Amino acid sequence: MTDIINNTLFNNQEYQSVEFPIGDWYYAVHYADIIDTYFDENGNLHVIMTDTYDFNKGESKLIEAGREAMKRGTLEPRFLIWDILIPKADLDKI
């Protein structure tokens, strides 16, 4: 994640896709886009990340079941936005 933040913040990239391969973020998000990073007036870093619940084709049988439910209208796609705050005091630890 640190490399992705640095690439977005310091290389002027418009956005960076990120994959969470394990753990809670894998099950909740799996893939997302970092669309903005900025420092607030207190020196805290904000990382703006977005994702959609859209059940991408071909990922797994469970995802395919969600995709079929979405086609039938049982589930609706969702667009999520996170503002991840990394306090100034923690930035030196990254």
N, C-alpha and C. Protein backbone atom coordinates (compact mmCIF):
# COMPACT_ATOMS: atom_id res chain seq x y z
N MET A 1 0.83 -1.19 0.00
CA MET A 1 0.00 0.00 0.00
C MET A 1 0.87 1.25 0.00
N THR A 2 1.99 1.23 0.72
CA THR A 2 2.88 2.39 0.77
C THR A 2 3.38 2.77 -0.62
N ASP A 3 3.78 1.78 -1.43
CA ASP A 3 4.24 2.06 -2.79
C ASP A 3 3.14 2.72 -3.62
N ILE A 4 1.93 2.25 -3.47
CA ILE A 4 0.81 2.80 -4.23
C ILE A 4 0.55 4.24 -3.83
N ILE A 5 0.57 4.52 -2.52
CA ILE A 5 0.37 5.89 -2.05
C ILE A 5 1.48 6.78 -2.57
N ASN A 6 2.73 6.33 -2.46
CA ASN A 6 3.85 7.13 -2.95
C ASN A 6 3.75 7.38 -4.45
N ASN A 7 3.39 6.37 -5.23
CA ASN A 7 3.26 6.55 -6.68
C ASN A 7 2.18 7.57 -7.01
N THR A 8 1.07 7.50 -6.33
CA THR A 8 -0.03 8.43 -6.59
C THR A 8 0.33 9.84 -6.13
N LEU A 9 0.90 9.93 -4.94
CA LEU A 9 1.17 11.23 -4.33
C LEU A 9 2.33 11.95 -5.00
N PHE A 10 3.41 11.24 -5.26
CA PHE A 10 4.63 11.90 -5.70
C PHE A 10 4.90 11.82 -7.20
N ASN A 11 4.16 11.01 -7.93
CA ASN A 11 4.37 10.89 -9.37
C ASN A 11 3.23 11.49 -10.17
N ASN A 12 2.35 12.21 -9.49
CA ASN A 12 1.24 12.91 -10.15
C ASN A 12 0.35 12.00 -10.98
N GLN A 13 0.19 10.75 -10.56
CA GLN A 13 -0.74 9.87 -11.25
C GLN A 13 -2.16 10.26 -10.88
N GLU A 14 -3.05 10.17 -11.85
CA GLU A 14 -4.44 10.53 -11.57
C GLU A 14 -5.10 9.53 -10.63
N TYR A 15 -4.83 8.26 -10.82
CA TYR A 15 -5.33 7.24 -9.90
C TYR A 15 -4.46 6.01 -10.02
N GLN A 16 -4.59 5.14 -9.03
CA GLN A 16 -3.81 3.92 -8.99
C GLN A 16 -4.73 2.79 -8.55
N SER A 17 -4.77 1.72 -9.31
CA SER A 17 -5.54 0.55 -8.89
C SER A 17 -4.74 -0.23 -7.86
N VAL A 18 -5.45 -0.80 -6.92
CA VAL A 18 -4.82 -1.57 -5.86
C VAL A 18 -5.60 -2.87 -5.66
N GLU A 19 -4.87 -3.94 -5.40
CA GLU A 19 -5.48 -5.23 -5.09
C GLU A 19 -5.10 -5.60 -3.67
N PHE A 20 -6.07 -6.01 -2.90
CA PHE A 20 -5.83 -6.52 -1.56
C PHE A 20 -5.90 -8.04 -1.65
N PRO A 21 -4.74 -8.73 -1.62
CA PRO A 21 -4.72 -10.16 -1.89
C PRO A 21 -5.15 -11.06 -0.74
N ILE A 22 -5.15 -10.55 0.51
CA ILE A 22 -5.50 -11.38 1.66
C ILE A 22 -6.19 -10.53 2.71
N GLY A 23 -6.77 -11.19 3.69
CA GLY A 23 -7.30 -10.51 4.87
C GLY A 23 -8.65 -9.86 4.66
N ASP A 24 -9.01 -9.03 5.64
CA ASP A 24 -10.33 -8.39 5.65
C ASP A 24 -10.57 -7.52 4.42
N TRP A 25 -9.54 -6.77 3.97
CA TRP A 25 -9.72 -5.92 2.80
C TRP A 25 -9.95 -6.75 1.54
N TYR A 26 -9.38 -7.96 1.48
CA TYR A 26 -9.63 -8.84 0.34
C TYR A 26 -11.12 -9.19 0.27
N TYR A 27 -11.68 -9.60 1.40
CA TYR A 27 -13.08 -10.03 1.41
C TYR A 27 -14.05 -8.87 1.27
N ALA A 28 -13.67 -7.70 1.75
CA ALA A 28 -14.56 -6.54 1.67
C ALA A 28 -14.45 -5.81 0.34
N VAL A 29 -13.24 -5.76 -0.23
CA VAL A 29 -13.00 -4.90 -1.38
C VAL A 29 -12.38 -5.66 -2.55
N HIS A 30 -11.29 -6.34 -2.32
CA HIS A 30 -10.46 -7.05 -3.27
C HIS A 30 -9.74 -6.08 -4.21
N TYR A 31 -10.43 -5.42 -5.10
CA TYR A 31 -9.83 -4.42 -6.00
C TYR A 31 -10.47 -3.05 -5.74
N ALA A 32 -9.66 -2.00 -5.81
CA ALA A 32 -10.18 -0.64 -5.63
C ALA A 32 -9.26 0.32 -6.37
N ASP A 33 -9.67 1.57 -6.45
CA ASP A 33 -8.86 2.61 -7.07
C ASP A 33 -8.59 3.72 -6.08
N ILE A 34 -7.32 4.13 -5.97
CA ILE A 34 -6.98 5.32 -5.22
C ILE A 34 -7.08 6.47 -6.22
N ILE A 35 -8.02 7.38 -5.97
CA ILE A 35 -8.27 8.45 -6.93
C ILE A 35 -7.68 9.78 -6.51
N ASP A 36 -7.29 9.90 -5.23
CA ASP A 36 -6.70 11.16 -4.79
C ASP A 36 -5.95 10.93 -3.49
N THR A 37 -4.91 11.71 -3.29
CA THR A 37 -4.20 11.76 -2.01
C THR A 37 -3.89 13.23 -1.74
N TYR A 38 -4.00 13.63 -0.49
CA TYR A 38 -3.67 15.01 -0.14
C TYR A 38 -3.36 15.11 1.35
N PHE A 39 -2.65 16.17 1.72
CA PHE A 39 -2.37 16.48 3.11
C PHE A 39 -3.32 17.57 3.56
N ASP A 40 -3.89 17.40 4.76
CA ASP A 40 -4.75 18.45 5.31
C ASP A 40 -3.91 19.49 6.05
N GLU A 41 -4.58 20.48 6.65
CA GLU A 41 -3.89 21.58 7.31
C GLU A 41 -3.06 21.15 8.52
N ASN A 42 -3.32 19.94 9.04
CA ASN A 42 -2.57 19.42 10.18
C ASN A 42 -1.45 18.48 9.78
N GLY A 43 -1.25 18.29 8.48
CA GLY A 43 -0.20 17.40 7.99
C GLY A 43 -0.58 15.94 7.93
N ASN A 44 -1.86 15.64 8.15
CA ASN A 44 -2.35 14.27 8.02
C ASN A 44 -2.53 13.93 6.55
N LEU A 45 -2.27 12.70 6.19
CA LEU A 45 -2.45 12.25 4.82
C LEU A 45 -3.83 11.64 4.65
N HIS A 46 -4.54 12.07 3.62
CA HIS A 46 -5.83 11.49 3.26
C HIS A 46 -5.65 10.73 1.95
N VAL A 47 -6.15 9.51 1.91
CA VAL A 47 -6.13 8.69 0.71
C VAL A 47 -7.58 8.42 0.34
N ILE A 48 -8.01 8.91 -0.81
CA ILE A 48 -9.39 8.71 -1.26
C ILE A 48 -9.42 7.49 -2.17
N MET A 49 -10.18 6.48 -1.75
CA MET A 49 -10.24 5.21 -2.47
C MET A 49 -11.69 4.90 -2.83
N THR A 50 -11.91 4.37 -4.02
CA THR A 50 -13.26 4.03 -4.48
C THR A 50 -13.33 2.58 -4.93
N ASP A 51 -14.54 2.06 -4.91
CA ASP A 51 -14.78 0.70 -5.38
C ASP A 51 -16.25 0.58 -5.76
N THR A 52 -16.55 -0.39 -6.57
CA THR A 52 -17.95 -0.71 -6.90
C THR A 52 -18.23 -2.15 -6.52
N TYR A 53 -19.43 -2.39 -6.06
CA TYR A 53 -19.90 -3.76 -5.89
C TYR A 53 -20.62 -4.10 -7.19
N ASP A 54 -19.88 -4.70 -8.11
CA ASP A 54 -20.45 -4.95 -9.43
C ASP A 54 -20.30 -6.39 -9.88
N PHE A 55 -19.72 -7.25 -9.03
CA PHE A 55 -19.63 -8.68 -9.31
C PHE A 55 -19.04 -8.96 -10.68
N ASN A 56 -17.75 -8.74 -10.79
CA ASN A 56 -17.04 -8.92 -12.05
C ASN A 56 -17.14 -10.35 -12.56
N LYS A 57 -17.32 -10.48 -13.85
CA LYS A 57 -17.50 -11.77 -14.49
C LYS A 57 -16.22 -12.62 -14.38
N GLY A 58 -16.43 -13.90 -14.07
CA GLY A 58 -15.34 -14.86 -14.10
C GLY A 58 -14.46 -14.94 -12.87
N GLU A 59 -14.83 -14.28 -11.75
CA GLU A 59 -13.96 -14.31 -10.58
C GLU A 59 -14.11 -15.60 -9.77
N SER A 60 -15.32 -16.00 -9.46
CA SER A 60 -15.56 -17.24 -8.71
C SER A 60 -17.05 -17.58 -8.80
N LYS A 61 -17.41 -18.76 -8.33
CA LYS A 61 -18.83 -19.15 -8.35
C LYS A 61 -19.67 -18.25 -7.45
N LEU A 62 -19.10 -17.86 -6.31
CA LEU A 62 -19.83 -16.98 -5.41
C LEU A 62 -20.07 -15.61 -6.05
N ILE A 63 -19.05 -15.07 -6.71
CA ILE A 63 -19.19 -13.79 -7.41
C ILE A 63 -20.19 -13.93 -8.56
N GLU A 64 -20.12 -15.04 -9.25
CA GLU A 64 -21.06 -15.28 -10.37
C GLU A 64 -22.50 -15.32 -9.87
N ALA A 65 -22.72 -15.90 -8.67
CA ALA A 65 -24.07 -15.92 -8.09
C ALA A 65 -24.55 -14.49 -7.81
N GLY A 66 -23.66 -13.65 -7.30
CA GLY A 66 -24.01 -12.25 -7.08
C GLY A 66 -24.29 -11.53 -8.38
N ARG A 67 -23.52 -11.86 -9.41
CA ARG A 67 -23.73 -11.26 -10.74
C ARG A 67 -25.10 -11.62 -11.29
N GLU A 68 -25.49 -12.87 -11.14
CA GLU A 68 -26.81 -13.32 -11.62
C GLU A 68 -27.93 -12.63 -10.83
N ALA A 69 -27.75 -12.50 -9.50
CA ALA A 69 -28.75 -11.81 -8.68
C ALA A 69 -28.88 -10.34 -9.10
N MET A 70 -27.77 -9.73 -9.47
CA MET A 70 -27.80 -8.35 -9.92
C MET A 70 -28.55 -8.24 -11.26
N LYS A 71 -28.32 -9.21 -12.15
CA LYS A 71 -29.03 -9.21 -13.44
C LYS A 71 -30.54 -9.30 -13.24
N ARG A 72 -30.97 -10.08 -12.22
CA ARG A 72 -32.40 -10.25 -11.95
C ARG A 72 -32.99 -9.06 -11.19
N GLY A 73 -32.12 -8.17 -10.70
CA GLY A 73 -32.61 -7.02 -9.96
C GLY A 73 -32.73 -7.26 -8.46
N THR A 74 -32.31 -8.43 -7.99
CA THR A 74 -32.36 -8.74 -6.57
C THR A 74 -31.31 -7.93 -5.81
N LEU A 75 -30.17 -7.72 -6.41
CA LEU A 75 -29.10 -6.89 -5.85
C LEU A 75 -28.86 -5.70 -6.76
N GLU A 76 -28.49 -4.57 -6.16
CA GLU A 76 -28.17 -3.39 -6.93
C GLU A 76 -26.68 -3.08 -6.80
N PRO A 77 -26.05 -2.59 -7.88
CA PRO A 77 -24.64 -2.20 -7.77
C PRO A 77 -24.48 -1.04 -6.78
N ARG A 78 -23.34 -1.01 -6.13
CA ARG A 78 -23.03 0.05 -5.17
C ARG A 78 -21.70 0.69 -5.52
N PHE A 79 -21.59 1.97 -5.25
CA PHE A 79 -20.35 2.72 -5.42
C PHE A 79 -19.91 3.19 -4.04
N LEU A 80 -18.70 2.84 -3.65
CA LEU A 80 -18.20 3.16 -2.32
C LEU A 80 -17.04 4.13 -2.40
N ILE A 81 -16.95 5.02 -1.42
CA ILE A 81 -15.85 5.97 -1.33
C ILE A 81 -15.33 5.94 0.10
N TRP A 82 -14.01 5.78 0.25
CA TRP A 82 -13.38 5.84 1.57
C TRP A 82 -12.43 7.02 1.60
N ASP A 83 -12.40 7.71 2.73
CA ASP A 83 -11.38 8.72 3.01
C ASP A 83 -10.52 8.12 4.12
N ILE A 84 -9.39 7.56 3.75
CA ILE A 84 -8.51 6.90 4.70
C ILE A 84 -7.56 7.96 5.25
N LEU A 85 -7.59 8.15 6.55
CA LEU A 85 -6.78 9.15 7.22
C LEU A 85 -5.56 8.49 7.85
N ILE A 86 -4.38 8.96 7.48
CA ILE A 86 -3.14 8.50 8.10
C ILE A 86 -2.57 9.69 8.86
N PRO A 87 -2.62 9.64 10.20
CA PRO A 87 -2.16 10.77 11.00
C PRO A 87 -0.69 11.10 10.74
N LYS A 88 -0.38 12.38 10.85
CA LYS A 88 0.98 12.86 10.63
C LYS A 88 1.98 12.07 11.47
N ALA A 89 1.63 11.78 12.71
CA ALA A 89 2.53 11.04 13.62
C ALA A 89 2.85 9.64 13.11
N ASP A 90 1.94 9.06 12.32
CA ASP A 90 2.16 7.70 11.81
C ASP A 90 2.89 7.67 10.48
N LEU A 91 2.99 8.79 9.80
CA LEU A 91 3.62 8.81 8.47
C LEU A 91 5.08 8.40 8.50
N ASP A 92 5.80 8.73 9.56
CA ASP A 92 7.20 8.35 9.67
C ASP A 92 7.36 6.84 9.82
N LYS A 93 6.32 6.15 10.25
CA LYS A 93 6.38 4.70 10.44
C LYS A 93 6.15 3.93 9.15
N ILE A 94 5.63 4.61 8.14
CA ILE A 94 5.32 3.94 6.87
C ILE A 94 6.56 3.80 6.03
